Amino acid sequence: MGNRLFWGYQDQFSTIYKHNLDYWTPERTNAYYPRMYSNGSGNTGTSRNTQTGYLQNGAYLRVKNVTLAYNVPKHILGKAKADALRIFASGENLFLFDHLPNGMESDAVVITDGGIYPSLKKYSVGLNLSF
């Protein structure tokens, strides 16, 4: 959880996301995130030391693949002179149930600076016909 999406504003070129807005101020001393410094130093390394205060629940459930298919009975295919016809619809990465902030994934591929390649949703439909 040491990436720019979780911590936000690590330097003057970083972004602050909606979940990062709960940061410490003199008026909000019970905030989740530490103080953000506006002088370009961002969220300092000391503020981001490993500790249990920022421990996250990484448990997740992802529905990786669902395929629905129908094999047309042979007696219906008799006039078409086909041996088999299968119609299908498939979806990948349809659902993800987790406790992480939006945009973060437990099993995503991490790239430079803590970014991720998200798991894209894919849909396909088709038919298999054999003679």
N, C-alpha and C. Protein backbone atom coordinates (compact mmCIF):
# COMPACT_ATOMS: atom_id res chain seq x y z
N MET A 1 0.83 -1.19 0.00
CA MET A 1 0.00 0.00 0.00
C MET A 1 0.87 1.25 0.00
N GLY A 2 2.07 1.16 -0.51
CA GLY A 2 2.95 2.31 -0.52
C GLY A 2 2.91 3.08 -1.83
N ASN A 3 1.87 2.91 -2.62
CA ASN A 3 1.86 3.58 -3.92
C ASN A 3 1.17 4.94 -3.88
N ARG A 4 1.22 5.65 -4.97
CA ARG A 4 0.67 7.01 -5.07
C ARG A 4 -0.85 7.03 -5.01
N LEU A 5 -1.49 5.96 -5.38
CA LEU A 5 -2.95 5.94 -5.31
C LEU A 5 -3.43 5.90 -3.86
N PHE A 6 -2.77 5.12 -3.03
CA PHE A 6 -3.17 5.03 -1.63
C PHE A 6 -2.79 6.30 -0.87
N TRP A 7 -1.55 6.75 -1.01
CA TRP A 7 -1.07 7.88 -0.24
C TRP A 7 -1.42 9.22 -0.87
N GLY A 8 -1.43 9.33 -2.14
CA GLY A 8 -1.72 10.62 -2.77
C GLY A 8 -0.69 11.67 -2.39
N TYR A 9 -0.62 12.70 -3.13
CA TYR A 9 0.22 13.87 -2.91
C TYR A 9 1.54 13.57 -2.22
N GLN A 10 2.39 12.80 -2.88
CA GLN A 10 3.72 12.52 -2.34
C GLN A 10 4.73 13.59 -2.76
N ASP A 11 4.42 14.34 -3.79
CA ASP A 11 5.26 15.45 -4.21
C ASP A 11 4.40 16.41 -5.04
N GLN A 12 5.01 17.46 -5.55
CA GLN A 12 4.22 18.48 -6.24
C GLN A 12 3.60 17.99 -7.54
N PHE A 13 3.99 16.84 -8.04
CA PHE A 13 3.43 16.31 -9.28
C PHE A 13 2.37 15.25 -9.04
N SER A 14 2.05 14.97 -7.79
CA SER A 14 1.08 13.93 -7.44
C SER A 14 -0.34 14.47 -7.44
N THR A 15 -1.26 13.56 -7.30
CA THR A 15 -2.68 13.88 -7.28
C THR A 15 -3.25 13.53 -5.92
N ILE A 16 -4.27 14.27 -5.49
CA ILE A 16 -5.02 13.93 -4.29
C ILE A 16 -6.35 13.35 -4.74
N TYR A 17 -6.65 12.13 -4.30
CA TYR A 17 -7.90 11.47 -4.65
C TYR A 17 -8.92 11.69 -3.54
N LYS A 18 -10.17 11.38 -3.83
CA LYS A 18 -11.25 11.62 -2.88
C LYS A 18 -10.98 10.97 -1.52
N HIS A 19 -10.50 9.73 -1.53
CA HIS A 19 -10.26 9.04 -0.25
C HIS A 19 -9.08 9.66 0.52
N ASN A 20 -8.22 10.44 -0.16
CA ASN A 20 -7.09 11.10 0.51
C ASN A 20 -7.49 12.37 1.25
N LEU A 21 -8.72 12.83 1.09
CA LEU A 21 -9.12 14.11 1.68
C LEU A 21 -9.29 14.03 3.20
N ASP A 22 -9.28 12.85 3.76
CA ASP A 22 -9.39 12.70 5.22
C ASP A 22 -7.99 12.76 5.82
N TYR A 23 -7.32 13.91 5.73
CA TYR A 23 -5.97 14.08 6.24
C TYR A 23 -5.97 15.04 7.44
N TRP A 24 -4.90 14.95 8.24
CA TRP A 24 -4.79 15.71 9.47
C TRP A 24 -4.70 17.21 9.22
N THR A 25 -5.46 17.96 9.99
CA THR A 25 -5.34 19.42 10.08
C THR A 25 -5.50 19.76 11.56
N PRO A 26 -5.17 20.97 11.98
CA PRO A 26 -5.39 21.33 13.39
C PRO A 26 -6.86 21.21 13.81
N GLU A 27 -7.78 21.37 12.86
CA GLU A 27 -9.20 21.24 13.17
C GLU A 27 -9.69 19.79 13.08
N ARG A 28 -8.95 18.95 12.42
CA ARG A 28 -9.38 17.56 12.20
C ARG A 28 -8.26 16.64 12.67
N THR A 29 -8.12 16.50 13.97
CA THR A 29 -7.00 15.75 14.54
C THR A 29 -7.21 14.23 14.53
N ASN A 30 -8.42 13.76 14.26
CA ASN A 30 -8.67 12.31 14.22
C ASN A 30 -8.76 11.79 12.78
N ALA A 31 -8.12 12.47 11.83
CA ALA A 31 -8.16 12.07 10.42
C ALA A 31 -7.41 10.76 10.21
N TYR A 32 -7.70 10.09 9.10
CA TYR A 32 -7.05 8.82 8.78
C TYR A 32 -5.63 9.02 8.28
N TYR A 33 -5.44 9.96 7.37
CA TYR A 33 -4.13 10.19 6.77
C TYR A 33 -3.36 11.27 7.54
N PRO A 34 -2.03 11.23 7.47
CA PRO A 34 -1.24 12.27 8.15
C PRO A 34 -1.33 13.61 7.42
N ARG A 35 -0.74 14.61 8.00
CA ARG A 35 -0.73 15.95 7.43
C ARG A 35 -0.14 15.95 6.02
N MET A 36 -0.72 16.74 5.13
CA MET A 36 -0.18 16.94 3.80
C MET A 36 0.52 18.29 3.77
N TYR A 37 1.72 18.30 3.27
CA TYR A 37 2.51 19.52 3.22
C TYR A 37 2.38 20.16 1.84
N SER A 38 2.05 21.43 1.79
CA SER A 38 1.79 22.10 0.52
C SER A 38 3.01 22.78 -0.07
N ASN A 39 4.16 22.61 0.53
CA ASN A 39 5.37 23.28 0.03
C ASN A 39 6.10 22.47 -1.04
N GLY A 40 5.44 21.48 -1.60
CA GLY A 40 6.07 20.65 -2.62
C GLY A 40 6.69 19.39 -2.08
N SER A 41 6.78 19.26 -0.75
CA SER A 41 7.37 18.04 -0.20
C SER A 41 6.34 16.93 -0.06
N GLY A 42 5.06 17.25 -0.22
CA GLY A 42 4.02 16.25 -0.23
C GLY A 42 3.85 15.53 1.08
N ASN A 43 3.51 14.27 1.01
CA ASN A 43 3.28 13.42 2.16
C ASN A 43 4.62 12.75 2.48
N THR A 44 5.34 13.26 3.46
CA THR A 44 6.73 12.88 3.68
C THR A 44 6.90 11.39 3.99
N GLY A 45 8.11 10.91 3.73
CA GLY A 45 8.41 9.51 3.98
C GLY A 45 8.20 9.10 5.42
N THR A 46 8.46 9.98 6.37
CA THR A 46 8.24 9.67 7.78
C THR A 46 6.77 9.38 8.04
N SER A 47 5.90 10.13 7.40
CA SER A 47 4.46 9.92 7.58
C SER A 47 4.02 8.57 7.03
N ARG A 48 4.78 8.02 6.10
CA ARG A 48 4.39 6.78 5.44
C ARG A 48 5.15 5.57 5.95
N ASN A 49 5.77 5.66 7.11
CA ASN A 49 6.46 4.50 7.68
C ASN A 49 5.48 3.36 7.87
N THR A 50 5.97 2.13 7.72
CA THR A 50 5.13 0.96 7.90
C THR A 50 4.64 0.89 9.34
N GLN A 51 3.34 0.74 9.49
CA GLN A 51 2.73 0.65 10.81
C GLN A 51 1.35 0.01 10.67
N THR A 52 0.80 -0.44 11.77
CA THR A 52 -0.51 -1.10 11.73
C THR A 52 -1.66 -0.13 11.53
N GLY A 53 -1.43 1.16 11.71
CA GLY A 53 -2.49 2.14 11.52
C GLY A 53 -3.00 2.18 10.09
N TYR A 54 -2.18 1.77 9.14
CA TYR A 54 -2.57 1.77 7.72
C TYR A 54 -2.66 0.36 7.16
N LEU A 55 -2.76 -0.61 8.04
CA LEU A 55 -2.92 -2.00 7.62
C LEU A 55 -4.25 -2.15 6.89
N GLN A 56 -4.24 -2.78 5.75
CA GLN A 56 -5.44 -2.94 4.93
C GLN A 56 -5.84 -4.42 4.85
N ASN A 57 -7.11 -4.65 4.68
CA ASN A 57 -7.62 -6.00 4.48
C ASN A 57 -7.48 -6.32 2.99
N GLY A 58 -6.58 -7.20 2.65
CA GLY A 58 -6.33 -7.56 1.26
C GLY A 58 -7.15 -8.73 0.76
N ALA A 59 -8.09 -9.22 1.56
CA ALA A 59 -8.93 -10.34 1.13
C ALA A 59 -9.83 -9.89 -0.02
N TYR A 60 -9.99 -10.74 -1.00
CA TYR A 60 -10.85 -10.40 -2.13
C TYR A 60 -11.43 -11.65 -2.77
N LEU A 61 -12.47 -11.44 -3.53
CA LEU A 61 -13.07 -12.49 -4.34
C LEU A 61 -13.30 -11.90 -5.71
N ARG A 62 -12.70 -12.52 -6.72
CA ARG A 62 -12.86 -12.05 -8.10
C ARG A 62 -13.51 -13.17 -8.92
N VAL A 63 -14.54 -12.83 -9.65
CA VAL A 63 -15.15 -13.77 -10.59
C VAL A 63 -14.36 -13.63 -11.88
N LYS A 64 -13.45 -14.59 -12.14
CA LYS A 64 -12.54 -14.48 -13.28
C LYS A 64 -13.21 -14.81 -14.61
N ASN A 65 -14.06 -15.83 -14.64
CA ASN A 65 -14.64 -16.22 -15.93
C ASN A 65 -15.99 -16.88 -15.70
N VAL A 66 -16.97 -16.46 -16.48
CA VAL A 66 -18.28 -17.09 -16.50
C VAL A 66 -18.64 -17.33 -17.96
N THR A 67 -19.00 -18.56 -18.28
CA THR A 67 -19.41 -18.89 -19.64
C THR A 67 -20.75 -19.60 -19.59
N LEU A 68 -21.67 -19.10 -20.38
CA LEU A 68 -22.98 -19.73 -20.55
C LEU A 68 -23.04 -20.24 -21.97
N ALA A 69 -23.44 -21.51 -22.14
CA ALA A 69 -23.47 -22.10 -23.47
C ALA A 69 -24.70 -22.98 -23.63
N TYR A 70 -25.12 -23.11 -24.89
CA TYR A 70 -26.25 -23.97 -25.21
C TYR A 70 -25.88 -24.79 -26.43
N ASN A 71 -25.98 -26.12 -26.29
CA ASN A 71 -25.77 -27.03 -27.42
C ASN A 71 -27.12 -27.34 -28.06
N VAL A 72 -27.26 -26.94 -29.29
CA VAL A 72 -28.52 -27.16 -30.01
C VAL A 72 -28.65 -28.67 -30.26
N PRO A 73 -29.82 -29.24 -29.94
CA PRO A 73 -30.01 -30.68 -30.13
C PRO A 73 -29.83 -31.10 -31.59
N LYS A 74 -29.30 -32.31 -31.80
CA LYS A 74 -29.01 -32.80 -33.16
C LYS A 74 -30.25 -32.94 -34.02
N HIS A 75 -31.39 -33.25 -33.42
CA HIS A 75 -32.59 -33.41 -34.24
C HIS A 75 -33.05 -32.08 -34.84
N ILE A 76 -32.68 -30.99 -34.25
CA ILE A 76 -33.00 -29.68 -34.83
C ILE A 76 -32.01 -29.33 -35.94
N LEU A 77 -30.80 -29.82 -35.86
CA LEU A 77 -29.76 -29.54 -36.85
C LEU A 77 -29.86 -30.43 -38.08
N GLY A 78 -30.70 -31.41 -38.07
CA GLY A 78 -30.79 -32.37 -39.16
C GLY A 78 -30.98 -31.73 -40.52
N LYS A 79 -31.86 -30.75 -40.65
CA LYS A 79 -32.12 -30.10 -41.94
C LYS A 79 -30.96 -29.23 -42.38
N ALA A 80 -30.18 -28.72 -41.46
CA ALA A 80 -29.05 -27.86 -41.80
C ALA A 80 -27.80 -28.67 -42.15
N LYS A 81 -27.86 -29.98 -42.02
CA LYS A 81 -26.74 -30.88 -42.30
C LYS A 81 -25.51 -30.54 -41.47
N ALA A 82 -25.72 -30.07 -40.26
CA ALA A 82 -24.63 -29.76 -39.34
C ALA A 82 -24.56 -30.84 -38.28
N ASP A 83 -23.35 -31.14 -37.82
CA ASP A 83 -23.17 -32.14 -36.78
C ASP A 83 -23.41 -31.56 -35.38
N ALA A 84 -22.99 -30.33 -35.17
CA ALA A 84 -23.13 -29.72 -33.84
C ALA A 84 -23.16 -28.20 -33.97
N LEU A 85 -23.93 -27.59 -33.07
CA LEU A 85 -23.97 -26.13 -32.98
C LEU A 85 -24.02 -25.76 -31.51
N ARG A 86 -23.06 -24.97 -31.13
CA ARG A 86 -22.97 -24.50 -29.73
C ARG A 86 -22.95 -22.97 -29.75
N ILE A 87 -23.87 -22.36 -29.00
CA ILE A 87 -23.96 -20.91 -28.88
C ILE A 87 -23.49 -20.55 -27.47
N PHE A 88 -22.64 -19.52 -27.36
CA PHE A 88 -22.11 -19.20 -26.04
C PHE A 88 -21.95 -17.70 -25.83
N ALA A 89 -21.93 -17.32 -24.57
CA ALA A 89 -21.60 -15.96 -24.13
C ALA A 89 -20.64 -16.11 -22.96
N SER A 90 -19.62 -15.28 -22.94
CA SER A 90 -18.59 -15.40 -21.92
C SER A 90 -18.22 -14.02 -21.38
N GLY A 91 -17.86 -13.97 -20.12
CA GLY A 91 -17.39 -12.73 -19.50
C GLY A 91 -16.21 -13.01 -18.60
N GLU A 92 -15.23 -12.10 -18.61
CA GLU A 92 -14.05 -12.24 -17.76
C GLU A 92 -13.94 -11.03 -16.84
N ASN A 93 -13.49 -11.27 -15.62
CA ASN A 93 -13.31 -10.23 -14.60
C ASN A 93 -14.59 -9.43 -14.38
N LEU A 94 -15.69 -10.14 -14.23
CA LEU A 94 -16.99 -9.48 -14.12
C LEU A 94 -17.21 -8.80 -12.78
N PHE A 95 -16.74 -9.42 -11.69
CA PHE A 95 -17.01 -8.88 -10.36
C PHE A 95 -15.76 -8.97 -9.51
N LEU A 96 -15.58 -7.96 -8.65
CA LEU A 96 -14.51 -7.96 -7.67
C LEU A 96 -15.09 -7.47 -6.35
N PHE A 97 -14.96 -8.28 -5.33
CA PHE A 97 -15.42 -7.92 -3.99
C PHE A 97 -14.19 -7.79 -3.11
N ASP A 98 -13.92 -6.58 -2.61
CA ASP A 98 -12.77 -6.37 -1.75
C ASP A 98 -13.02 -5.20 -0.80
N HIS A 99 -12.01 -4.89 0.00
CA HIS A 99 -12.12 -3.82 0.99
C HIS A 99 -11.14 -2.68 0.70
N LEU A 100 -10.57 -2.64 -0.49
CA LEU A 100 -9.56 -1.64 -0.82
C LEU A 100 -10.21 -0.39 -1.41
N PRO A 101 -9.48 0.74 -1.40
CA PRO A 101 -10.02 1.95 -2.04
C PRO A 101 -10.27 1.72 -3.53
N ASN A 102 -11.19 2.45 -4.11
CA ASN A 102 -11.48 2.32 -5.54
C ASN A 102 -10.22 2.53 -6.35
N GLY A 103 -10.04 1.70 -7.36
CA GLY A 103 -8.87 1.80 -8.22
C GLY A 103 -7.71 0.92 -7.80
N MET A 104 -7.77 0.33 -6.61
CA MET A 104 -6.72 -0.56 -6.15
C MET A 104 -7.22 -2.00 -6.22
N GLU A 105 -6.34 -2.89 -6.64
CA GLU A 105 -6.70 -4.29 -6.76
C GLU A 105 -5.64 -5.16 -6.11
N SER A 106 -6.08 -6.17 -5.38
CA SER A 106 -5.16 -7.06 -4.67
C SER A 106 -4.27 -7.85 -5.62
N ASP A 107 -4.78 -8.24 -6.77
CA ASP A 107 -4.01 -9.09 -7.67
C ASP A 107 -3.62 -8.39 -8.96
N ALA A 108 -3.60 -7.06 -8.96
CA ALA A 108 -3.24 -6.31 -10.17
C ALA A 108 -1.73 -6.34 -10.39
N VAL A 109 -1.33 -6.14 -11.63
CA VAL A 109 0.08 -6.07 -11.98
C VAL A 109 0.57 -4.65 -11.69
N VAL A 110 1.57 -4.53 -10.80
CA VAL A 110 2.08 -3.22 -10.39
C VAL A 110 3.13 -2.75 -11.40
N ILE A 111 3.05 -1.47 -11.77
CA ILE A 111 4.02 -0.87 -12.68
C ILE A 111 4.78 0.24 -11.95
N THR A 112 5.63 0.95 -12.63
CA THR A 112 6.46 2.01 -12.05
C THR A 112 5.63 3.00 -11.24
N ASP A 113 6.19 3.50 -10.15
CA ASP A 113 5.58 4.49 -9.27
C ASP A 113 4.30 4.01 -8.62
N GLY A 114 4.10 2.72 -8.48
CA GLY A 114 2.95 2.20 -7.76
C GLY A 114 1.67 2.15 -8.55
N GLY A 115 1.70 2.50 -9.84
CA GLY A 115 0.51 2.38 -10.67
C GLY A 115 0.19 0.92 -10.94
N ILE A 116 -0.96 0.66 -11.50
CA ILE A 116 -1.34 -0.73 -11.78
C ILE A 116 -1.93 -0.84 -13.18
N TYR A 117 -1.82 -2.04 -13.73
CA TYR A 117 -2.60 -2.40 -14.90
C TYR A 117 -3.87 -3.04 -14.37
N PRO A 118 -5.01 -2.40 -14.51
CA PRO A 118 -6.23 -2.99 -13.96
C PRO A 118 -6.65 -4.23 -14.74
N SER A 119 -7.40 -5.08 -14.10
CA SER A 119 -7.96 -6.25 -14.77
C SER A 119 -9.18 -5.81 -15.55
N LEU A 120 -9.09 -5.83 -16.85
CA LEU A 120 -10.17 -5.34 -17.70
C LEU A 120 -11.30 -6.34 -17.80
N LYS A 121 -12.52 -5.82 -17.90
CA LYS A 121 -13.67 -6.67 -18.14
C LYS A 121 -13.73 -6.98 -19.62
N LYS A 122 -14.05 -8.22 -19.95
CA LYS A 122 -14.15 -8.63 -21.35
C LYS A 122 -15.43 -9.43 -21.53
N TYR A 123 -16.09 -9.18 -22.62
CA TYR A 123 -17.30 -9.91 -22.97
C TYR A 123 -17.12 -10.48 -24.37
N SER A 124 -17.63 -11.68 -24.58
CA SER A 124 -17.59 -12.27 -25.91
C SER A 124 -18.81 -13.16 -26.11
N VAL A 125 -19.23 -13.23 -27.35
CA VAL A 125 -20.33 -14.11 -27.74
C VAL A 125 -19.90 -14.82 -29.03
N GLY A 126 -20.45 -15.97 -29.26
CA GLY A 126 -20.08 -16.67 -30.48
C GLY A 126 -20.82 -17.96 -30.63
N LEU A 127 -20.45 -18.65 -31.68
CA LEU A 127 -21.02 -19.97 -31.92
C LEU A 127 -19.96 -20.87 -32.54
N ASN A 128 -20.07 -22.13 -32.22
CA ASN A 128 -19.21 -23.16 -32.79
C ASN A 128 -20.09 -24.06 -33.62
N LEU A 129 -19.77 -24.16 -34.89
CA LEU A 129 -20.57 -24.96 -35.82
C LEU A 129 -19.64 -25.96 -36.46
N SER A 130 -20.02 -27.22 -36.43
CA SER A 130 -19.22 -28.25 -37.08
C SER A 130 -20.11 -29.07 -38.02
N PHE A 131 -19.53 -29.45 -39.17
CA PHE A 131 -20.26 -30.22 -40.19
C PHE A 131 -19.71 -31.62 -40.28
